[in-house]
Amino acid sequence: HRGELKSLLRNQAVVAGIGNAYSDEILWHARLNPQRRLSTLSLEDRH
Protein backbone atom coordinates (compact mmCIF):
# COMPACT_ATOMS: atom_id res chain seq x y z
CA HIS A 1 0.00 0.00 0.00
CA ARG A 2 1.41 3.36 -1.05
CA GLY A 3 -1.36 5.71 0.07
CA GLU A 4 -2.15 7.41 3.34
CA LEU A 5 -3.01 5.41 6.44
CA LYS A 6 -6.66 6.40 6.44
CA SER A 7 -7.16 5.23 2.86
CA LEU A 8 -5.38 1.98 3.74
CA LEU A 9 -7.85 1.22 6.54
CA ARG A 10 -10.84 2.12 4.35
CA ASN A 11 -9.68 -0.06 1.44
CA GLN A 12 -12.05 -3.03 1.50
CA ALA A 13 -9.63 -5.08 -0.59
CA VAL A 14 -7.07 -4.81 2.23
CA VAL A 15 -9.38 -5.47 5.18
CA ALA A 16 -13.16 -5.40 5.15
CA GLY A 17 -15.57 -3.55 7.41
CA ILE A 18 -13.83 -0.26 8.23
CA GLY A 19 -15.08 3.08 6.91
CA ASN A 20 -14.62 6.77 7.51
CA ALA A 21 -15.61 6.96 11.19
CA TYR A 22 -13.80 3.96 12.62
CA SER A 23 -10.63 4.63 10.65
CA ASP A 24 -10.47 7.97 12.53
CA GLU A 25 -10.92 6.18 15.84
CA ILE A 26 -8.33 3.51 15.07
CA LEU A 27 -5.69 6.03 14.04
CA TRP A 28 -6.38 8.20 17.10
CA HIS A 29 -6.04 5.14 19.34
CA ALA A 30 -2.75 4.21 17.60
CA ARG A 31 -1.48 7.84 17.88
CA LEU A 32 -0.89 7.91 14.12
CA ASN A 33 -1.61 10.83 11.80
CA PRO A 34 -4.13 9.79 9.10
CA GLN A 35 -2.04 11.55 6.42
CA ARG A 36 1.08 9.51 7.07
CA ARG A 37 2.12 6.86 4.59
CA LEU A 38 2.85 3.26 5.49
CA SER A 39 6.49 3.60 4.41
CA THR A 40 7.10 6.07 7.25
CA LEU A 41 5.98 3.70 10.01
CA SER A 42 8.35 1.93 12.34
CA LEU A 43 7.79 -1.69 13.32
CA GLU A 44 6.33 -0.42 16.60
CA ASP A 45 3.93 1.85 14.68
CA ARG A 46 2.75 -1.05 12.53
CA HIS A 47 2.02 -3.17 15.58
ModelCIF file with pLDDT and N, C-alpha, C, O atoms, coordinates in Angstrom:
data_MODEL
#
_entry.id   MODEL 
#
_entity.id                         1 
_entity.type                       polymer 
_entity.pdbx_number_of_molecules   1 
#
_entity_poly.entity_id                      1 
_entity_poly.type                           'polypeptide(L)' 
_entity_poly.nstd_linkage                   no 
_entity_poly.nstd_monomer                   no 
_entity_poly.pdbx_seq_one_letter_code       HRGELKSLLRNQAVVAGIGNAYSDEILWHARLNPQRRLSTLSLEDRH 
_entity_poly.pdbx_seq_one_letter_code_can   HRGELKSLLRNQAVVAGIGNAYSDEILWHARLNPQRRLSTLSLEDRH 
_entity_poly.pdbx_strand_id                 A 
#
loop_
_entity_poly_seq.entity_id 
_entity_poly_seq.num 
_entity_poly_seq.mon_id 
_entity_poly_seq.hetero 
1 1  HIS n 
1 2  ARG n 
1 3  GLY n 
1 4  GLU n 
1 5  LEU n 
1 6  LYS n 
1 7  SER n 
1 8  LEU n 
1 9  LEU n 
1 10 ARG n 
1 11 ASN n 
1 12 GLN n 
1 13 ALA n 
1 14 VAL n 
1 15 VAL n 
1 16 ALA n 
1 17 GLY n 
1 18 ILE n 
1 19 GLY n 
1 20 ASN n 
1 21 ALA n 
1 22 TYR n 
1 23 SER n 
1 24 ASP n 
1 25 GLU n 
1 26 ILE n 
1 27 LEU n 
1 28 TRP n 
1 29 HIS n 
1 30 ALA n 
1 31 ARG n 
1 32 LEU n 
1 33 ASN n 
1 34 PRO n 
1 35 GLN n 
1 36 ARG n 
1 37 ARG n 
1 38 LEU n 
1 39 SER n 
1 40 THR n 
1 41 LEU n 
1 42 SER n 
1 43 LEU n 
1 44 GLU n 
1 45 ASP n 
1 46 ARG n 
1 47 HIS n 
#
_struct_asym.id          A 
_struct_asym.entity_id   1 
#
loop_
_ma_qa_metric.id 
_ma_qa_metric.mode 
_ma_qa_metric.name 
_ma_qa_metric.software_group_id 
_ma_qa_metric.type 
1 global pLDDT . pLDDT 
2 local  pLDDT . pLDDT 
#
_ma_qa_metric_global.metric_id      1 
_ma_qa_metric_global.metric_value   96.66 
_ma_qa_metric_global.model_id       1 
_ma_qa_metric_global.ordinal_id     1 
#
loop_
_ma_qa_metric_local.label_asym_id 
_ma_qa_metric_local.label_comp_id 
_ma_qa_metric_local.label_seq_id 
_ma_qa_metric_local.metric_id 
_ma_qa_metric_local.metric_value 
_ma_qa_metric_local.model_id 
_ma_qa_metric_local.ordinal_id 
A HIS 1  2 91.00 1 1  
A ARG 2  2 88.00 1 2  
A GLY 3  2 90.00 1 3  
A GLU 4  2 96.00 1 4  
A LEU 5  2 97.00 1 5  
A LYS 6  2 97.00 1 6  
A SER 7  2 96.00 1 7  
A LEU 8  2 97.00 1 8  
A LEU 9  2 97.00 1 9  
A ARG 10 2 97.00 1 10 
A ASN 11 2 96.00 1 11 
A GLN 12 2 97.00 1 12 
A ALA 13 2 96.00 1 13 
A VAL 14 2 97.00 1 14 
A VAL 15 2 97.00 1 15 
A ALA 16 2 98.00 1 16 
A GLY 17 2 97.00 1 17 
A ILE 18 2 98.00 1 18 
A GLY 19 2 96.00 1 19 
A ASN 20 2 96.00 1 20 
A ALA 21 2 97.00 1 21 
A TYR 22 2 98.00 1 22 
A SER 23 2 98.00 1 23 
A ASP 24 2 98.00 1 24 
A GLU 25 2 98.00 1 25 
A ILE 26 2 98.00 1 26 
A LEU 27 2 98.00 1 27 
A TRP 28 2 98.00 1 28 
A HIS 29 2 98.00 1 29 
A ALA 30 2 98.00 1 30 
A ARG 31 2 98.00 1 31 
A LEU 32 2 98.00 1 32 
A ASN 33 2 98.00 1 33 
A PRO 34 2 97.00 1 34 
A GLN 35 2 96.00 1 35 
A ARG 36 2 97.00 1 36 
A ARG 37 2 96.00 1 37 
A LEU 38 2 96.00 1 38 
A SER 39 2 95.00 1 39 
A THR 40 2 96.00 1 40 
A LEU 41 2 97.00 1 41 
A SER 42 2 97.00 1 42 
A LEU 43 2 97.00 1 43 
A GLU 44 2 98.00 1 44 
A ASP 45 2 98.00 1 45 
A ARG 46 2 98.00 1 46 
A HIS 47 2 98.00 1 47 
#
loop_
_atom_site.group_PDB 
_atom_site.id 
_atom_site.type_symbol 
_atom_site.label_atom_id 
_atom_site.label_alt_id 
_atom_site.label_comp_id 
_atom_site.label_asym_id 
_atom_site.label_entity_id 
_atom_site.label_seq_id 
_atom_site.pdbx_PDB_ins_code 
_atom_site.Cartn_x 
_atom_site.Cartn_y 
_atom_site.Cartn_z 
_atom_site.occupancy 
_atom_site.B_iso_or_equiv 
_atom_site.pdbx_formal_charge 
_atom_site.auth_seq_id 
_atom_site.auth_comp_id 
_atom_site.auth_asym_id 
_atom_site.auth_atom_id 
_atom_site.pdbx_PDB_model_num 
ATOM 1   N N  . HIS A 1 1  ? 0.833   -1.203 0.000  1.00 91.00 ? 1  HIS A N  1 
ATOM 2   C CA . HIS A 1 1  ? 0.000   0.000  0.000  1.00 91.00 ? 1  HIS A CA 1 
ATOM 3   C C  . HIS A 1 1  ? 0.868   1.253  0.000  1.00 91.00 ? 1  HIS A C  1 
ATOM 4   O O  . HIS A 1 1  ? 1.776   1.386  0.821  1.00 91.00 ? 1  HIS A O  1 
ATOM 5   N N  . ARG A 1 2  ? 0.591   2.157  -0.908 1.00 88.00 ? 2  ARG A N  1 
ATOM 6   C CA . ARG A 1 2  ? 1.412   3.363  -1.053 1.00 88.00 ? 2  ARG A CA 1 
ATOM 7   C C  . ARG A 1 2  ? 0.683   4.636  -0.623 1.00 88.00 ? 2  ARG A C  1 
ATOM 8   O O  . ARG A 1 2  ? 1.277   5.714  -0.609 1.00 88.00 ? 2  ARG A O  1 
ATOM 9   N N  . GLY A 1 3  ? -0.585  4.521  -0.278 1.00 90.00 ? 3  GLY A N  1 
ATOM 10  C CA . GLY A 1 3  ? -1.360  5.706  0.067  1.00 90.00 ? 3  GLY A CA 1 
ATOM 11  C C  . GLY A 1 3  ? -1.246  6.067  1.535  1.00 90.00 ? 3  GLY A C  1 
ATOM 12  O O  . GLY A 1 3  ? -0.400  5.543  2.261  1.00 90.00 ? 3  GLY A O  1 
ATOM 13  N N  . GLU A 1 4  ? -2.116  6.974  1.956  1.00 96.00 ? 4  GLU A N  1 
ATOM 14  C CA . GLU A 1 4  ? -2.149  7.413  3.344  1.00 96.00 ? 4  GLU A CA 1 
ATOM 15  C C  . GLU A 1 4  ? -2.793  6.354  4.228  1.00 96.00 ? 4  GLU A C  1 
ATOM 16  O O  . GLU A 1 4  ? -3.522  5.487  3.747  1.00 96.00 ? 4  GLU A O  1 
ATOM 17  N N  . LEU A 1 5  ? -2.519  6.433  5.512  1.00 97.00 ? 5  LEU A N  1 
ATOM 18  C CA . LEU A 1 5  ? -3.005  5.406  6.443  1.00 97.00 ? 5  LEU A CA 1 
ATOM 19  C C  . LEU A 1 5  ? -4.525  5.317  6.470  1.00 97.00 ? 5  LEU A C  1 
ATOM 20  O O  . LEU A 1 5  ? -5.083  4.224  6.567  1.00 97.00 ? 5  LEU A O  1 
ATOM 21  N N  . LYS A 1 6  ? -5.193  6.461  6.385  1.00 97.00 ? 6  LYS A N  1 
ATOM 22  C CA . LYS A 1 6  ? -6.660  6.399  6.437  1.00 97.00 ? 6  LYS A CA 1 
ATOM 23  C C  . LYS A 1 6  ? -7.216  5.671  5.227  1.00 97.00 ? 6  LYS A C  1 
ATOM 24  O O  . LYS A 1 6  ? -8.143  4.872  5.361  1.00 97.00 ? 6  LYS A O  1 
ATOM 25  N N  . SER A 1 7  ? -6.669  5.933  4.051  1.00 96.00 ? 7  SER A N  1 
ATOM 26  C CA . SER A 1 7  ? -7.163  5.233  2.858  1.00 96.00 ? 7  SER A CA 1 
ATOM 27  C C  . SER A 1 7  ? -6.822  3.749  2.917  1.00 96.00 ? 7  SER A C  1 
ATOM 28  O O  . SER A 1 7  ? -7.559  2.928  2.371  1.00 96.00 ? 7  SER A O  1 
ATOM 29  N N  . LEU A 1 8  ? -5.725  3.393  3.566  1.00 97.00 ? 8  LEU A N  1 
ATOM 30  C CA . LEU A 1 8  ? -5.382  1.978  3.742  1.00 97.00 ? 8  LEU A CA 1 
ATOM 31  C C  . LEU A 1 8  ? -6.464  1.266  4.542  1.00 97.00 ? 8  LEU A C  1 
ATOM 32  O O  . LEU A 1 8  ? -6.947  0.208  4.140  1.00 97.00 ? 8  LEU A O  1 
ATOM 33  N N  . LEU A 1 9  ? -6.843  1.852  5.680  1.00 97.00 ? 9  LEU A N  1 
ATOM 34  C CA . LEU A 1 9  ? -7.848  1.222  6.542  1.00 97.00 ? 9  LEU A CA 1 
ATOM 35  C C  . LEU A 1 9  ? -9.210  1.134  5.867  1.00 97.00 ? 9  LEU A C  1 
ATOM 36  O O  . LEU A 1 9  ? -9.966  0.197  6.124  1.00 97.00 ? 9  LEU A O  1 
ATOM 37  N N  . ARG A 1 10 ? -9.534  2.094  5.010  1.00 97.00 ? 10 ARG A N  1 
ATOM 38  C CA . ARG A 1 10 ? -10.843 2.118  4.353  1.00 97.00 ? 10 ARG A CA 1 
ATOM 39  C C  . ARG A 1 10 ? -10.889 1.254  3.094  1.00 97.00 ? 10 ARG A C  1 
ATOM 40  O O  . ARG A 1 10 ? -11.960 1.052  2.523  1.00 97.00 ? 10 ARG A O  1 
ATOM 41  N N  . ASN A 1 11 ? -9.749  0.749  2.663  1.00 96.00 ? 11 ASN A N  1 
ATOM 42  C CA . ASN A 1 11 ? -9.683  -0.058 1.444  1.00 96.00 ? 11 ASN A CA 1 
ATOM 43  C C  . ASN A 1 11 ? -10.222 -1.456 1.732  1.00 96.00 ? 11 ASN A C  1 
ATOM 44  O O  . ASN A 1 11 ? -9.578  -2.245 2.423  1.00 96.00 ? 11 ASN A O  1 
ATOM 45  N N  . GLN A 1 12 ? -11.393 -1.755 1.205  1.00 97.00 ? 12 GLN A N  1 
ATOM 46  C CA . GLN A 1 12 ? -12.049 -3.032 1.499  1.00 97.00 ? 12 GLN A CA 1 
ATOM 47  C C  . GLN A 1 12 ? -11.321 -4.227 0.910  1.00 97.00 ? 12 GLN A C  1 
ATOM 48  O O  . GLN A 1 12 ? -11.566 -5.361 1.321  1.00 97.00 ? 12 GLN A O  1 
ATOM 49  N N  . ALA A 1 13 ? -10.433 -3.996 -0.042 1.00 96.00 ? 13 ALA A N  1 
ATOM 50  C CA . ALA A 1 13 ? -9.632  -5.079 -0.593 1.00 96.00 ? 13 ALA A CA 1 
ATOM 51  C C  . ALA A 1 13 ? -8.455  -5.430 0.322  1.00 96.00 ? 13 ALA A C  1 
ATOM 52  O O  . ALA A 1 13 ? -7.854  -6.496 0.184  1.00 96.00 ? 13 ALA A O  1 
ATOM 53  N N  . VAL A 1 14 ? -8.130  -4.536 1.249  1.00 97.00 ? 14 VAL A N  1 
ATOM 54  C CA . VAL A 1 14 ? -7.069  -4.806 2.226  1.00 97.00 ? 14 VAL A CA 1 
ATOM 55  C C  . VAL A 1 14 ? -7.667  -5.520 3.427  1.00 97.00 ? 14 VAL A C  1 
ATOM 56  O O  . VAL A 1 14 ? -7.305  -6.658 3.723  1.00 97.00 ? 14 VAL A O  1 
ATOM 57  N N  . VAL A 1 15 ? -8.578  -4.854 4.116  1.00 97.00 ? 15 VAL A N  1 
ATOM 58  C CA . VAL A 1 15 ? -9.375  -5.471 5.180  1.00 97.00 ? 15 VAL A CA 1 
ATOM 59  C C  . VAL A 1 15 ? -10.794 -4.947 5.037  1.00 97.00 ? 15 VAL A C  1 
ATOM 60  O O  . VAL A 1 15 ? -10.995 -3.807 4.619  1.00 97.00 ? 15 VAL A O  1 
ATOM 61  N N  . ALA A 1 16 ? -11.762 -5.754 5.375  1.00 98.00 ? 16 ALA A N  1 
ATOM 62  C CA . ALA A 1 16 ? -13.164 -5.398 5.150  1.00 98.00 ? 16 ALA A CA 1 
ATOM 63  C C  . ALA A 1 16 ? -13.848 -4.962 6.443  1.00 98.00 ? 16 ALA A C  1 
ATOM 64  O O  . ALA A 1 16 ? -13.611 -5.524 7.512  1.00 98.00 ? 16 ALA A O  1 
ATOM 65  N N  . GLY A 1 17 ? -14.710 -3.935 6.315  1.00 97.00 ? 17 GLY A N  1 
ATOM 66  C CA . GLY A 1 17 ? -15.574 -3.550 7.414  1.00 97.00 ? 17 GLY A CA 1 
ATOM 67  C C  . GLY A 1 17 ? -15.324 -2.174 7.993  1.00 97.00 ? 17 GLY A C  1 
ATOM 68  O O  . GLY A 1 17 ? -16.150 -1.666 8.751  1.00 97.00 ? 17 GLY A O  1 
ATOM 69  N N  . ILE A 1 18 ? -14.188 -1.551 7.649  1.00 98.00 ? 18 ILE A N  1 
ATOM 70  C CA . ILE A 1 18 ? -13.834 -0.261 8.231  1.00 98.00 ? 18 ILE A CA 1 
ATOM 71  C C  . ILE A 1 18 ? -14.155 0.856  7.245  1.00 98.00 ? 18 ILE A C  1 
ATOM 72  O O  . ILE A 1 18 ? -13.868 0.742  6.053  1.00 98.00 ? 18 ILE A O  1 
ATOM 73  N N  . GLY A 1 19 ? -14.752 1.936  7.745  1.00 96.00 ? 19 GLY A N  1 
ATOM 74  C CA . GLY A 1 19 ? -15.080 3.080  6.907  1.00 96.00 ? 19 GLY A CA 1 
ATOM 75  C C  . GLY A 1 19 ? -14.497 4.358  7.469  1.00 96.00 ? 19 GLY A C  1 
ATOM 76  O O  . GLY A 1 19 ? -13.476 4.343  8.156  1.00 96.00 ? 19 GLY A O  1 
ATOM 77  N N  . ASN A 1 20 ? -15.153 5.459  7.172  1.00 96.00 ? 20 ASN A N  1 
ATOM 78  C CA . ASN A 1 20 ? -14.625 6.773  7.515  1.00 96.00 ? 20 ASN A CA 1 
ATOM 79  C C  . ASN A 1 20 ? -14.529 7.004  9.019  1.00 96.00 ? 20 ASN A C  1 
ATOM 80  O O  . ASN A 1 20 ? -13.514 7.502  9.507  1.00 96.00 ? 20 ASN A O  1 
ATOM 81  N N  . ALA A 1 21 ? -15.571 6.646  9.751  1.00 97.00 ? 21 ALA A N  1 
ATOM 82  C CA . ALA A 1 21 ? -15.614 6.955  11.186 1.00 97.00 ? 21 ALA A CA 1 
ATOM 83  C C  . ALA A 1 21 ? -14.616 6.120  11.978 1.00 97.00 ? 21 ALA A C  1 
ATOM 84  O O  . ALA A 1 21 ? -13.827 6.664  12.750 1.00 97.00 ? 21 ALA A O  1 
ATOM 85  N N  . TYR A 1 22 ? -14.645 4.819  11.795 1.00 98.00 ? 22 TYR A N  1 
ATOM 86  C CA . TYR A 1 22 ? -13.803 3.965  12.624 1.00 98.00 ? 22 TYR A CA 1 
ATOM 87  C C  . TYR A 1 22 ? -12.339 4.026  12.223 1.00 98.00 ? 22 TYR A C  1 
ATOM 88  O O  . TYR A 1 22 ? -11.472 3.720  13.042 1.00 98.00 ? 22 TYR A O  1 
ATOM 89  N N  . SER A 1 23 ? -12.038 4.409  10.997 1.00 98.00 ? 23 SER A N  1 
ATOM 90  C CA . SER A 1 23 ? -10.633 4.631  10.651 1.00 98.00 ? 23 SER A CA 1 
ATOM 91  C C  . SER A 1 23 ? -10.086 5.805  11.458 1.00 98.00 ? 23 SER A C  1 
ATOM 92  O O  . SER A 1 23 ? -8.933  5.766  11.890 1.00 98.00 ? 23 SER A O  1 
ATOM 93  N N  . ASP A 1 24 ? -10.891 6.851  11.671 1.00 98.00 ? 24 ASP A N  1 
ATOM 94  C CA . ASP A 1 24 ? -10.471 7.966  12.527 1.00 98.00 ? 24 ASP A CA 1 
ATOM 95  C C  . ASP A 1 24 ? -10.181 7.481  13.947 1.00 98.00 ? 24 ASP A C  1 
ATOM 96  O O  . ASP A 1 24 ? -9.164  7.837  14.543 1.00 98.00 ? 24 ASP A O  1 
ATOM 97  N N  . GLU A 1 25 ? -11.091 6.663  14.477 1.00 98.00 ? 25 GLU A N  1 
ATOM 98  C CA . GLU A 1 25 ? -10.924 6.176  15.845 1.00 98.00 ? 25 GLU A CA 1 
ATOM 99  C C  . GLU A 1 25 ? -9.692  5.293  15.991 1.00 98.00 ? 25 GLU A C  1 
ATOM 100 O O  . GLU A 1 25 ? -8.956  5.403  16.971 1.00 98.00 ? 25 GLU A O  1 
ATOM 101 N N  . ILE A 1 26 ? -9.472  4.420  15.018 1.00 98.00 ? 26 ILE A N  1 
ATOM 102 C CA . ILE A 1 26 ? -8.326  3.509  15.072 1.00 98.00 ? 26 ILE A CA 1 
ATOM 103 C C  . ILE A 1 26 ? -7.017  4.284  15.048 1.00 98.00 ? 26 ILE A C  1 
ATOM 104 O O  . ILE A 1 26 ? -6.105  3.996  15.823 1.00 98.00 ? 26 ILE A O  1 
ATOM 105 N N  . LEU A 1 27 ? -6.927  5.265  14.161 1.00 98.00 ? 27 LEU A N  1 
ATOM 106 C CA . LEU A 1 27 ? -5.686  6.034  14.036 1.00 98.00 ? 27 LEU A CA 1 
ATOM 107 C C  . LEU A 1 27 ? -5.455  6.915  15.268 1.00 98.00 ? 27 LEU A C  1 
ATOM 108 O O  . LEU A 1 27 ? -4.312  7.112  15.681 1.00 98.00 ? 27 LEU A O  1 
ATOM 109 N N  . TRP A 1 28 ? -6.530  7.442  15.854 1.00 98.00 ? 28 TRP A N  1 
ATOM 110 C CA . TRP A 1 28 ? -6.377  8.200  17.103 1.00 98.00 ? 28 TRP A CA 1 
ATOM 111 C C  . TRP A 1 28 ? -5.854  7.280  18.209 1.00 98.00 ? 28 TRP A C  1 
ATOM 112 O O  . TRP A 1 28 ? -4.938  7.639  18.949 1.00 98.00 ? 28 TRP A O  1 
ATOM 113 N N  . HIS A 1 29 ? -6.447  6.095  18.307 1.00 98.00 ? 29 HIS A N  1 
ATOM 114 C CA . HIS A 1 29 ? -6.040  5.142  19.341 1.00 98.00 ? 29 HIS A CA 1 
ATOM 115 C C  . HIS A 1 29 ? -4.576  4.746  19.161 1.00 98.00 ? 29 HIS A C  1 
ATOM 116 O O  . HIS A 1 29 ? -3.856  4.562  20.142 1.00 98.00 ? 29 HIS A O  1 
ATOM 117 N N  . ALA A 1 30 ? -4.132  4.614  17.899 1.00 98.00 ? 30 ALA A N  1 
ATOM 118 C CA . ALA A 1 30 ? -2.750  4.214  17.601 1.00 98.00 ? 30 ALA A CA 1 
ATOM 119 C C  . ALA A 1 30 ? -1.778  5.382  17.656 1.00 98.00 ? 30 ALA A C  1 
ATOM 120 O O  . ALA A 1 30 ? -0.569  5.190  17.521 1.00 98.00 ? 30 ALA A O  1 
ATOM 121 N N  . ARG A 1 31 ? -2.301  6.613  17.856 1.00 98.00 ? 31 ARG A N  1 
ATOM 122 C CA . ARG A 1 31 ? -1.483  7.837  17.877 1.00 98.00 ? 31 ARG A CA 1 
ATOM 123 C C  . ARG A 1 31 ? -0.786  8.069  16.534 1.00 98.00 ? 31 ARG A C  1 
ATOM 124 O O  . ARG A 1 31 ? 0.353   8.534  16.492 1.00 98.00 ? 31 ARG A O  1 
ATOM 125 N N  . LEU A 1 32 ? -1.469  7.747  15.450 1.00 98.00 ? 32 LEU A N  1 
ATOM 126 C CA . LEU A 1 32 ? -0.894  7.910  14.118 1.00 98.00 ? 32 LEU A CA 1 
ATOM 127 C C  . LEU A 1 32 ? -1.682  8.939  13.321 1.00 98.00 ? 32 LEU A C  1 
ATOM 128 O O  . LEU A 1 32 ? -2.913  8.930  13.331 1.00 98.00 ? 32 LEU A O  1 
ATOM 129 N N  . ASN A 1 33 ? -0.981  9.817  12.638 1.00 98.00 ? 33 ASN A N  1 
ATOM 130 C CA . ASN A 1 33 ? -1.613  10.834 11.796 1.00 98.00 ? 33 ASN A CA 1 
ATOM 131 C C  . ASN A 1 33 ? -2.215  10.165 10.564 1.00 98.00 ? 33 ASN A C  1 
ATOM 132 O O  . ASN A 1 33 ? -1.528  9.387  9.902  1.00 98.00 ? 33 ASN A O  1 
ATOM 133 N N  . PRO A 1 34 ? -3.477  10.444 10.238 1.00 97.00 ? 34 PRO A N  1 
ATOM 134 C CA . PRO A 1 34 ? -4.128  9.785  9.096  1.00 97.00 ? 34 PRO A CA 1 
ATOM 135 C C  . PRO A 1 34 ? -3.465  10.091 7.756  1.00 97.00 ? 34 PRO A C  1 
ATOM 136 O O  . PRO A 1 34 ? -3.667  9.350  6.794  1.00 97.00 ? 34 PRO A O  1 
ATOM 137 N N  . GLN A 1 35 ? -2.674  11.173 7.670  1.00 96.00 ? 35 GLN A N  1 
ATOM 138 C CA . GLN A 1 35 ? -2.042  11.546 6.419  1.00 96.00 ? 35 GLN A CA 1 
ATOM 139 C C  . GLN A 1 35 ? -0.673  10.899 6.211  1.00 96.00 ? 35 GLN A C  1 
ATOM 140 O O  . GLN A 1 35 ? -0.059  11.042 5.153  1.00 96.00 ? 35 GLN A O  1 
ATOM 141 N N  . ARG A 1 36 ? -0.211  10.192 7.227  1.00 97.00 ? 36 ARG A N  1 
ATOM 142 C CA . ARG A 1 36 ? 1.077   9.510  7.070  1.00 97.00 ? 36 ARG A CA 1 
ATOM 143 C C  . ARG A 1 36 ? 0.961   8.349  6.092  1.00 97.00 ? 36 ARG A C  1 
ATOM 144 O O  . ARG A 1 36 ? -0.120  7.797  5.889  1.00 97.00 ? 36 ARG A O  1 
ATOM 145 N N  . ARG A 1 37 ? 2.068   7.994  5.503  1.00 96.00 ? 37 ARG A N  1 
ATOM 146 C CA . ARG A 1 37 ? 2.123   6.858  4.591  1.00 96.00 ? 37 ARG A CA 1 
ATOM 147 C C  . ARG A 1 37 ? 2.757   5.663  5.301  1.00 96.00 ? 37 ARG A C  1 
ATOM 148 O O  . ARG A 1 37 ? 3.552   5.818  6.228  1.00 96.00 ? 37 ARG A O  1 
ATOM 149 N N  . LEU A 1 38 ? 2.387   4.481  4.846  1.00 96.00 ? 38 LEU A N  1 
ATOM 150 C CA . LEU A 1 38 ? 2.854   3.260  5.491  1.00 96.00 ? 38 LEU A CA 1 
ATOM 151 C C  . LEU A 1 38 ? 4.378   3.193  5.537  1.00 96.00 ? 38 LEU A C  1 
ATOM 152 O O  . LEU A 1 38 ? 4.953   2.698  6.507  1.00 96.00 ? 38 LEU A O  1 
ATOM 153 N N  . SER A 1 39 ? 5.027   3.689  4.497  1.00 95.00 ? 39 SER A N  1 
ATOM 154 C CA . SER A 1 39 ? 6.490   3.599  4.409  1.00 95.00 ? 39 SER A CA 1 
ATOM 155 C C  . SER A 1 39 ? 7.195   4.361  5.521  1.00 95.00 ? 39 SER A C  1 
ATOM 156 O O  . SER A 1 39 ? 8.376   4.128  5.779  1.00 95.00 ? 39 SER A O  1 
ATOM 157 N N  . THR A 1 40 ? 6.476   5.278  6.189  1.00 96.00 ? 40 THR A N  1 
ATOM 158 C CA . THR A 1 40 ? 7.098   6.068  7.253  1.00 96.00 ? 40 THR A CA 1 
ATOM 159 C C  . THR A 1 40 ? 6.958   5.409  8.620  1.00 96.00 ? 40 THR A C  1 
ATOM 160 O O  . THR A 1 40 ? 7.500   5.920  9.601  1.00 96.00 ? 40 THR A O  1 
ATOM 161 N N  . LEU A 1 41 ? 6.252   4.300  8.710  1.00 97.00 ? 41 LEU A N  1 
ATOM 162 C CA . LEU A 1 41 ? 5.977   3.695  10.010 1.00 97.00 ? 41 LEU A CA 1 
ATOM 163 C C  . LEU A 1 41 ? 7.119   2.794  10.463 1.00 97.00 ? 41 LEU A C  1 
ATOM 164 O O  . LEU A 1 41 ? 7.708   2.060  9.670  1.00 97.00 ? 41 LEU A O  1 
ATOM 165 N N  . SER A 1 42 ? 7.410   2.867  11.734 1.00 97.00 ? 42 SER A N  1 
ATOM 166 C CA . SER A 1 42 ? 8.355   1.934  12.337 1.00 97.00 ? 42 SER A CA 1 
ATOM 167 C C  . SER A 1 42 ? 7.639   0.604  12.593 1.00 97.00 ? 42 SER A C  1 
ATOM 168 O O  . SER A 1 42 ? 6.422   0.509  12.441 1.00 97.00 ? 42 SER A O  1 
ATOM 169 N N  . LEU A 1 43 ? 8.396   -0.406 12.977 1.00 97.00 ? 43 LEU A N  1 
ATOM 170 C CA . LEU A 1 43 ? 7.788   -1.691 13.323 1.00 97.00 ? 43 LEU A CA 1 
ATOM 171 C C  . LEU A 1 43 ? 6.829   -1.521 14.498 1.00 97.00 ? 43 LEU A C  1 
ATOM 172 O O  . LEU A 1 43 ? 5.767   -2.142 14.537 1.00 97.00 ? 43 LEU A O  1 
ATOM 173 N N  . GLU A 1 44 ? 7.206   -0.688 15.439 1.00 98.00 ? 44 GLU A N  1 
ATOM 174 C CA . GLU A 1 44 ? 6.334   -0.424 16.596 1.00 98.00 ? 44 GLU A CA 1 
ATOM 175 C C  . GLU A 1 44 ? 5.027   0.236  16.153 1.00 98.00 ? 44 GLU A C  1 
ATOM 176 O O  . GLU A 1 44 ? 3.954   -0.103 16.652 1.00 98.00 ? 44 GLU A O  1 
ATOM 177 N N  . ASP A 1 45 ? 5.124   1.183  15.209 1.00 98.00 ? 45 ASP A N  1 
ATOM 178 C CA . ASP A 1 45 ? 3.927   1.848  14.681 1.00 98.00 ? 45 ASP A CA 1 
ATOM 179 C C  . ASP A 1 45 ? 3.003   0.855  14.004 1.00 98.00 ? 45 ASP A C  1 
ATOM 180 O O  . ASP A 1 45 ? 1.785   0.928  14.167 1.00 98.00 ? 45 ASP A O  1 
ATOM 181 N N  . ARG A 1 46 ? 3.569   -0.070 13.248 1.00 98.00 ? 46 ARG A N  1 
ATOM 182 C CA . ARG A 1 46 ? 2.751   -1.054 12.528 1.00 98.00 ? 46 ARG A CA 1 
ATOM 183 C C  . ARG A 1 46 ? 2.019   -1.966 13.503 1.00 98.00 ? 46 ARG A C  1 
ATOM 184 O O  . ARG A 1 46 ? 0.854   -2.303 13.290 1.00 98.00 ? 46 ARG A O  1 
ATOM 185 N N  . HIS A 1 47 ? 2.693   -2.360 14.557 1.00 98.00 ? 47 HIS A N  1 
ATOM 186 C CA . HIS A 1 47 ? 2.020   -3.169 15.582 1.00 98.00 ? 47 HIS A CA 1 
ATOM 187 C C  . HIS A 1 47 ? 0.915   -2.349 16.253 1.00 98.00 ? 47 HIS A C  1 
ATOM 188 O O  . HIS A 1 47 ? 0.229   -2.850 17.145 1.00 98.00 ? 47 HIS A O  1 
#
